[in-house]
Amino acid sequence: MTCIAAKNIMHPRVSLYAKTKGEEVIERLMSSYPALPVVDDELRVMGVVSEFDVLTALKEGRTVHEFSAESLMTCGHSEHGACDSPVTVQPNTEIEDIVDLFIQKNVSILPVVEKGKLVGIISRKNIMNALAEKGFWKEHEFKKRA
């Protein structure tokens, strides 16, 4: 088993509130993350809004004044937009499982949730940064899958 888990590489809580209006959604997505979790007032993850979701809204003819984070969000399951169980990980989720989720779900970030509340996010870039950090991630720690 690897000793690297979500808590070792996650970025502290960064998110969008569900009612965040279009202009602020765009502004917040100009950060180094291509997507952000959408949370309610109690910091429960409702879904994720990505740059792709914004582009899709624009293609549909919607303007930034016509959408909010809540209206754009998806849950990470390819078969539908939003649901009651968005794709998330726990702080102790191992790196191998995180990589599997990125590949299987084709998502750009994963919210990290503890006791039902958002505590951080992991992007694919966080994994690349961990790989680049000498001594942080020993090659023998990442299990080769059969």
Protein backbone atom coordinates (compact mmCIF):
# COMPACT_ATOMS: atom_id res chain seq x y z
CA MET A 1 0.00 0.00 0.00
CA THR A 2 1.10 3.51 -0.73
CA CYS A 3 1.44 6.07 2.01
CA ILE A 4 0.23 8.93 -0.17
CA ALA A 5 -3.40 9.88 0.31
CA ALA A 6 -5.69 12.72 -0.71
CA LYS A 7 -4.83 14.70 2.42
CA ASN A 8 -1.15 14.77 1.37
CA ILE A 9 -1.73 16.48 -1.97
CA MET A 10 -5.09 18.27 -1.72
CA HIS A 11 -5.57 22.01 -1.85
CA PRO A 12 -7.46 23.40 1.13
CA ARG A 13 -11.14 24.07 0.65
CA VAL A 14 -11.88 26.18 -2.42
CA SER A 15 -15.37 26.15 -3.88
CA LEU A 16 -18.38 27.94 -5.34
CA TYR A 17 -21.62 28.39 -3.48
CA ALA A 18 -24.61 27.06 -5.40
CA LYS A 19 -26.11 30.52 -5.95
CA THR A 20 -22.87 32.05 -7.28
CA LYS A 21 -23.81 34.05 -10.38
CA GLY A 22 -22.25 33.57 -13.81
CA GLU A 23 -19.77 36.44 -13.74
CA GLU A 24 -18.28 35.29 -10.44
CA VAL A 25 -18.24 31.66 -11.64
CA ILE A 26 -16.10 32.79 -14.60
CA GLU A 27 -13.84 34.86 -12.34
CA ARG A 28 -13.30 31.98 -9.90
CA LEU A 29 -12.59 29.51 -12.73
CA MET A 30 -9.73 31.74 -13.86
CA SER A 31 -7.75 30.28 -10.95
CA SER A 32 -5.31 27.44 -11.43
CA TYR A 33 -8.16 24.90 -11.23
CA PRO A 34 -10.17 23.94 -14.34
CA ALA A 35 -13.20 23.14 -12.17
CA LEU A 36 -14.49 23.86 -8.68
CA PRO A 37 -16.84 22.05 -6.33
CA VAL A 38 -20.29 23.55 -5.78
CA VAL A 39 -21.39 23.55 -2.14
CA ASP A 40 -24.49 24.46 -0.15
CA ASP A 41 -24.47 26.71 2.94
CA GLU A 42 -23.31 23.79 5.10
CA LEU A 43 -20.34 23.02 2.79
CA ARG A 44 -21.89 19.79 1.48
CA VAL A 45 -20.75 19.08 -2.08
CA MET A 46 -23.62 19.31 -4.56
CA GLY A 47 -21.59 18.95 -7.76
CA VAL A 48 -18.75 20.47 -9.77
CA VAL A 49 -18.60 23.29 -12.31
CA SER A 50 -15.87 23.10 -14.95
CA GLU A 51 -14.66 25.31 -17.76
CA PHE A 52 -16.29 22.75 -20.06
CA ASP A 53 -19.67 23.34 -18.35
CA VAL A 54 -19.36 27.08 -19.00
CA LEU A 55 -18.45 26.49 -22.65
CA THR A 56 -21.45 24.17 -23.01
CA ALA A 57 -23.74 26.88 -21.60
CA LEU A 58 -22.31 29.42 -24.07
CA LYS A 59 -22.83 26.99 -26.95
CA GLU A 60 -26.46 26.68 -25.83
CA GLY A 61 -26.78 30.45 -26.22
CA ARG A 62 -26.80 31.31 -22.51
CA THR A 63 -24.98 34.41 -21.28
CA VAL A 64 -23.09 34.82 -18.00
CA HIS A 65 -26.16 36.64 -16.68
CA GLU A 66 -28.33 33.57 -17.30
CA PHE A 67 -26.51 30.93 -15.29
CA SER A 68 -25.32 30.19 -11.78
CA ALA A 69 -22.99 27.58 -10.38
CA GLU A 70 -26.00 25.43 -9.48
CA SER A 71 -27.44 25.55 -13.01
CA LEU A 72 -24.13 24.48 -14.58
CA MET A 73 -22.92 21.82 -12.15
CA THR A 74 -22.53 18.14 -12.88
CA CYS A 75 -21.85 15.36 -10.41
CA GLY A 76 -19.07 13.41 -12.11
CA HIS A 77 -21.25 10.54 -13.26
CA SER A 78 -21.26 10.50 -17.06
CA GLU A 79 -24.88 9.41 -17.36
CA HIS A 80 -26.38 12.59 -15.91
CA GLY A 81 -25.74 16.17 -14.87
CA ALA A 82 -26.50 16.54 -11.16
CA CYS A 83 -27.44 13.98 -8.52
CA ASP A 84 -27.55 13.30 -4.81
CA SER A 85 -24.15 11.58 -4.74
CA PRO A 86 -21.45 13.54 -6.59
CA VAL A 87 -18.09 11.85 -7.11
CA THR A 88 -15.86 12.70 -4.14
CA VAL A 89 -12.98 11.18 -2.18
CA GLN A 90 -12.11 11.02 1.52
CA PRO A 91 -8.90 12.50 3.00
CA ASN A 92 -7.46 8.97 3.40
CA THR A 93 -8.28 7.83 -0.15
CA GLU A 94 -5.07 6.42 -1.61
CA ILE A 95 -3.41 7.94 -4.65
CA GLU A 96 -3.99 4.83 -6.79
CA ASP A 97 -7.74 5.09 -6.24
CA ILE A 98 -7.68 8.81 -7.00
CA VAL A 99 -5.85 8.19 -10.29
CA ASP A 100 -8.40 5.48 -11.15
CA LEU A 101 -11.28 7.91 -10.57
CA PHE A 102 -9.68 10.60 -12.73
CA ILE A 103 -9.39 8.10 -15.57
CA GLN A 104 -12.72 6.29 -15.13
CA LYS A 105 -14.85 9.39 -14.58
CA ASN A 106 -12.87 11.73 -16.87
CA VAL A 107 -13.05 14.55 -14.33
CA SER A 108 -10.56 17.35 -13.82
CA ILE A 109 -10.92 17.74 -10.04
CA LEU A 110 -12.14 15.64 -7.15
CA PRO A 111 -13.69 17.21 -4.04
CA VAL A 112 -12.26 15.85 -0.78
CA VAL A 113 -15.02 15.36 1.79
CA GLU A 114 -14.84 14.53 5.49
CA LYS A 115 -17.95 14.02 7.65
CA GLY A 116 -20.10 15.21 4.75
CA LYS A 117 -18.30 18.55 4.32
CA LEU A 118 -15.79 19.80 1.77
CA VAL A 119 -12.25 19.97 3.18
CA GLY A 120 -10.24 20.29 -0.03
CA ILE A 121 -9.90 19.49 -3.71
CA ILE A 122 -7.47 17.49 -5.78
CA SER A 123 -6.76 18.23 -9.42
CA ARG A 124 -4.79 16.22 -11.93
CA LYS A 125 -2.17 18.97 -11.60
CA ASN A 126 -1.79 18.17 -7.87
CA ILE A 127 -0.82 14.63 -8.86
CA MET A 128 1.65 15.91 -11.48
CA ASN A 129 3.20 18.21 -8.87
CA ALA A 130 3.55 15.29 -6.44
CA LEU A 131 5.27 13.24 -9.15
CA ALA A 132 7.68 16.09 -9.84
CA GLU A 133 8.61 16.61 -6.19
CA LYS A 134 11.80 14.63 -5.62
CA GLY A 135 11.55 12.16 -2.76
CA PHE A 136 7.83 12.75 -2.16
CA TRP A 137 6.53 9.85 -4.20
CA LYS A 138 8.82 6.87 -4.42
CA GLU A 139 8.23 4.78 -7.54
CA HIS A 140 7.92 1.55 -5.58
CA GLU A 141 4.98 3.07 -3.65
CA PHE A 142 2.71 3.14 -6.68
CA LYS A 143 1.40 -0.37 -7.25
CA LYS A 144 1.52 -1.75 -10.76
CA ARG A 145 -1.96 -2.94 -11.69
CA ALA A 146 -2.40 -6.31 -13.38
